[in-house]
Amino acid sequence: MNKSDFSPVRSSERYVILDALRGFALLGIAMANFPEFSLYTFMSAEDTATLPLSGVDQWVRYLLYFFVDGKFYTIFSLLFGIGFSIIFENVARKGGNALSVFYRRMIVLAFIGIVHLMFIWSGDILLLYALLGMLLPPLRKLSNRSLLTVAFILLLIPVVVDFLCEVTKLRLSEPVVRMQQMYCTKFGITDENFAYWLHDARSYGEVFQFLIQGAWVRM
């Protein structure tokens, strides 16, 4: 087998509908992140209340959660799973080691995600996709019934965890929050300047300080 067997997919081999859906999902994800990119999310309740359309903003934010966060992330996740199956199918058809190719891609994706998380944007999702993606191969031979059962259990886990945390008053994120607070104190990031830190940053060094504390929250 030569290297050309694993060359990038040719245009004629691509699924146009999947590419279109992927672009549509990315547009939705960009919309979902706009409150953060515009720094609206980082503003205090007092500051947002002074905006001319503060009442409308609250409804728009709810609609974004319902129609964008709840839909476009789901579409993108579904496309990730479909891409996983296509990788296995294409490599297997060419007689290659599908597991090796897939895990290699997930490792590269995880590396890109770490760089993105630490140095560009603390709202990174690529690292999470890569880590969870590594759990997919053992599930690929399960029946549809078994997959639905696994999916239901995975959907139920955060609900159960949140319920138990509320009942027991346990805060699983407390160690991470303490680390975030430690870095905020170290760099002088306070509740008063948090919303405007990125806007007022005079160098990438100050941007990086904000990214460091944000990375802990993302974890």
Protein backbone atom coordinates (compact mmCIF):
# COMPACT_ATOMS: atom_id res chain seq x y z
CA MET A 1 0.00 0.00 0.00
CA ASN A 2 1.41 3.41 -0.95
CA LYS A 3 1.01 6.75 0.74
CA SER A 4 -1.43 7.98 -1.87
CA ASP A 5 -3.99 5.55 -0.47
CA PHE A 6 -4.25 7.82 2.57
CA SER A 7 -4.24 11.15 0.72
CA PRO A 8 -6.94 13.73 1.52
CA VAL A 9 -10.43 12.91 0.31
CA ARG A 10 -11.04 13.99 -3.29
CA SER A 11 -13.87 16.41 -4.08
CA SER A 12 -15.78 13.66 -5.85
CA GLU A 13 -15.68 11.54 -2.67
CA ARG A 14 -17.02 14.20 -0.35
CA TYR A 15 -20.61 14.29 0.92
CA VAL A 16 -21.87 17.74 -0.04
CA ILE A 17 -24.80 17.60 2.39
CA LEU A 18 -22.44 16.90 5.30
CA ASP A 19 -20.16 19.79 4.32
CA ALA A 20 -23.18 22.10 4.06
CA LEU A 21 -24.50 20.98 7.46
CA ARG A 22 -21.04 21.40 8.98
CA GLY A 23 -20.82 24.97 7.70
CA PHE A 24 -24.36 25.64 8.94
CA ALA A 25 -23.47 24.25 12.37
CA LEU A 26 -20.28 26.33 12.54
CA LEU A 27 -22.32 29.46 11.75
CA GLY A 28 -24.64 28.59 14.63
CA ILE A 29 -21.71 27.98 16.99
CA ALA A 30 -20.27 31.37 16.04
CA MET A 31 -23.65 32.90 16.95
CA ALA A 32 -23.64 30.99 20.24
CA ASN A 33 -20.23 32.41 21.10
CA PHE A 34 -21.07 35.98 20.11
CA PRO A 35 -22.18 36.97 23.66
CA GLU A 36 -18.66 36.02 24.80
CA PHE A 37 -16.88 37.58 21.82
CA SER A 38 -18.79 40.83 22.37
CA LEU A 39 -17.93 40.64 26.12
CA TYR A 40 -21.65 40.82 26.98
CA THR A 41 -21.41 37.63 29.04
CA PHE A 42 -18.64 39.11 31.19
CA MET A 43 -20.64 42.22 32.09
CA SER A 44 -22.23 42.49 35.51
CA ALA A 45 -26.00 42.41 35.92
CA GLU A 46 -25.90 46.09 36.85
CA ASP A 47 -24.08 47.01 33.62
CA THR A 48 -26.34 44.94 31.36
CA ALA A 49 -29.39 46.51 33.01
CA THR A 50 -28.26 49.95 31.84
CA LEU A 51 -28.17 48.94 28.16
CA PRO A 52 -30.94 50.49 26.00
CA LEU A 53 -32.48 47.12 25.08
CA SER A 54 -31.67 45.20 28.25
CA GLY A 55 -35.14 43.62 28.42
CA VAL A 56 -34.95 42.47 24.82
CA ASP A 57 -31.40 41.20 25.36
CA GLN A 58 -32.61 38.77 28.01
CA TRP A 59 -35.17 37.27 25.63
CA VAL A 60 -32.64 37.10 22.80
CA ARG A 61 -30.21 35.33 25.10
CA TYR A 62 -32.88 32.79 26.03
CA LEU A 63 -33.73 32.23 22.35
CA LEU A 64 -30.02 31.75 21.61
CA TYR A 65 -29.81 29.09 24.29
CA PHE A 66 -32.92 27.33 22.99
CA PHE A 67 -32.51 27.56 19.22
CA VAL A 68 -28.72 27.82 18.86
CA ASP A 69 -26.93 26.19 21.80
CA GLY A 70 -29.51 23.42 21.95
CA LYS A 71 -29.47 22.72 18.21
CA PHE A 72 -26.24 23.67 16.48
CA TYR A 73 -23.97 21.98 19.03
CA THR A 74 -26.11 18.88 18.65
CA ILE A 75 -25.79 18.98 14.85
CA PHE A 76 -22.03 19.45 15.09
CA SER A 77 -21.71 16.55 17.53
CA LEU A 78 -23.79 14.35 15.22
CA LEU A 79 -21.54 15.28 12.29
CA PHE A 80 -18.50 14.40 14.39
CA GLY A 81 -19.93 10.92 14.91
CA ILE A 82 -20.76 10.56 11.22
CA GLY A 83 -17.20 11.64 10.36
CA PHE A 84 -15.93 8.94 12.73
CA SER A 85 -17.85 6.27 10.82
CA ILE A 86 -16.67 7.63 7.44
CA ILE A 87 -13.02 7.50 8.56
CA PHE A 88 -13.38 3.86 9.58
CA GLU A 89 -15.21 2.96 6.39
CA ASN A 90 -12.72 4.68 4.06
CA VAL A 91 -9.58 3.33 5.75
CA ALA A 92 -11.01 -0.18 6.03
CA ARG A 93 -11.93 -0.12 2.33
CA LYS A 94 -8.31 0.71 1.48
CA GLY A 95 -7.04 -2.10 3.71
CA GLY A 96 -5.49 0.17 6.34
CA ASN A 97 -5.59 0.17 10.13
CA ALA A 98 -8.65 2.29 10.89
CA LEU A 99 -8.03 2.38 14.64
CA SER A 100 -4.50 3.68 14.16
CA VAL A 101 -5.62 6.39 11.73
CA PHE A 102 -8.52 7.48 13.94
CA TYR A 103 -6.54 7.66 17.18
CA ARG A 104 -3.75 9.50 15.43
CA ARG A 105 -6.25 12.09 14.25
CA MET A 106 -7.74 12.39 17.73
CA ILE A 107 -4.29 12.95 19.23
CA VAL A 108 -3.61 15.70 16.68
CA LEU A 109 -7.03 17.20 17.39
CA ALA A 110 -6.34 17.10 21.16
CA PHE A 111 -3.02 18.88 20.62
CA ILE A 112 -4.73 21.58 18.54
CA GLY A 113 -7.39 21.86 21.26
CA ILE A 114 -4.80 22.34 24.03
CA VAL A 115 -3.01 25.05 22.03
CA HIS A 116 -6.34 26.72 21.26
CA LEU A 117 -7.47 26.50 24.90
CA MET A 118 -4.27 27.86 26.43
CA PHE A 119 -3.20 30.47 23.89
CA ILE A 120 -6.20 31.59 21.81
CA TRP A 121 -9.64 31.08 23.36
CA SER A 122 -10.57 29.51 26.69
CA GLY A 123 -13.95 28.47 25.28
CA ASP A 124 -12.30 25.70 23.24
CA ILE A 125 -14.35 22.60 22.48
CA LEU A 126 -11.85 20.67 20.34
CA LEU A 127 -10.04 19.09 23.30
CA LEU A 128 -13.33 17.75 24.66
CA TYR A 129 -14.26 16.34 21.24
CA ALA A 130 -10.87 14.64 20.97
CA LEU A 131 -11.01 13.10 24.44
CA LEU A 132 -14.58 11.85 24.06
CA GLY A 133 -13.85 10.78 20.49
CA MET A 134 -11.27 8.33 21.80
CA LEU A 135 -14.13 6.50 23.53
CA LEU A 136 -16.01 5.89 20.27
CA PRO A 137 -14.14 2.88 18.77
CA PRO A 138 -15.21 0.39 21.50
CA LEU A 139 -18.85 1.34 20.79
CA ARG A 140 -18.79 0.92 17.01
CA LYS A 141 -19.92 -2.75 17.04
CA LEU A 142 -22.81 -2.31 19.45
CA SER A 143 -26.37 -2.85 18.25
CA ASN A 144 -28.72 0.09 17.81
CA ARG A 145 -30.57 -0.89 20.98
CA SER A 146 -27.32 -0.97 22.96
CA LEU A 147 -26.23 2.38 21.52
CA LEU A 148 -29.54 3.96 22.55
CA THR A 149 -29.11 2.52 26.05
CA VAL A 150 -25.57 3.93 26.30
CA ALA A 151 -26.77 7.30 24.96
CA PHE A 152 -29.58 7.41 27.54
CA ILE A 153 -27.16 6.62 30.37
CA LEU A 154 -24.72 9.31 29.21
CA LEU A 155 -27.55 11.86 29.01
CA LEU A 156 -28.73 10.84 32.47
CA ILE A 157 -25.32 11.08 34.18
CA PRO A 158 -25.08 14.92 34.36
CA VAL A 159 -28.69 15.13 35.55
CA VAL A 160 -27.99 12.68 38.37
CA VAL A 161 -24.69 14.37 39.25
CA ASP A 162 -26.34 17.80 39.40
CA PHE A 163 -29.19 16.44 41.52
CA LEU A 164 -26.82 14.78 43.99
CA CYS A 165 -24.71 17.95 44.19
CA GLU A 166 -27.81 19.99 44.99
CA VAL A 167 -28.99 17.53 47.63
CA THR A 168 -25.60 17.04 49.30
CA LYS A 169 -24.40 20.64 48.69
CA LEU A 170 -21.24 19.12 47.19
CA ARG A 171 -19.35 21.40 44.82
CA LEU A 172 -17.26 19.24 42.50
CA SER A 173 -15.87 22.29 40.71
CA GLU A 174 -14.66 23.96 43.90
CA PRO A 175 -10.94 23.03 43.47
CA VAL A 176 -10.99 24.40 39.92
CA VAL A 177 -12.77 27.57 41.03
CA ARG A 178 -10.11 28.08 43.72
CA MET A 179 -7.38 27.76 41.08
CA GLN A 180 -9.18 30.29 38.89
CA GLN A 181 -9.50 32.69 41.82
CA MET A 182 -5.82 32.24 42.63
CA TYR A 183 -4.80 33.26 39.11
CA CYS A 184 -7.28 36.16 39.08
CA THR A 185 -5.77 37.44 42.33
CA LYS A 186 -2.24 36.97 41.00
CA PHE A 187 -2.90 38.98 37.85
CA GLY A 188 -5.23 41.56 39.40
CA ILE A 189 -8.38 40.40 37.62
CA THR A 190 -11.36 41.50 39.71
CA ASP A 191 -15.15 41.55 39.40
CA GLU A 192 -14.91 45.20 38.41
CA ASN A 193 -12.45 44.79 35.52
CA PHE A 194 -13.31 41.21 34.49
CA ALA A 195 -15.73 42.25 31.75
CA TYR A 196 -13.29 44.72 30.22
CA TRP A 197 -9.97 42.93 30.73
CA LEU A 198 -9.69 41.70 27.15
CA HIS A 199 -10.93 45.00 25.75
CA ASP A 200 -8.36 46.98 27.74
CA ALA A 201 -5.47 44.51 27.31
CA ARG A 202 -2.36 46.34 26.10
CA SER A 203 -0.39 43.24 25.12
CA TYR A 204 -0.79 39.55 24.44
CA GLY A 205 0.74 38.94 27.88
CA GLU A 206 -2.37 40.43 29.50
CA VAL A 207 -4.61 38.47 27.12
CA PHE A 208 -2.75 35.29 28.15
CA GLN A 209 -3.35 36.08 31.82
CA PHE A 210 -7.08 36.13 31.10
CA LEU A 211 -6.85 32.91 29.08
CA ILE A 212 -5.08 31.09 31.91
CA GLN A 213 -7.83 31.73 34.43
CA GLY A 214 -10.45 30.95 31.78
CA ALA A 215 -8.80 27.62 30.96
CA TRP A 216 -9.37 26.47 34.54
CA VAL A 217 -13.06 27.29 34.24
CA ARG A 218 -13.26 25.38 30.96
CA MET A 219 -11.68 22.32 32.54
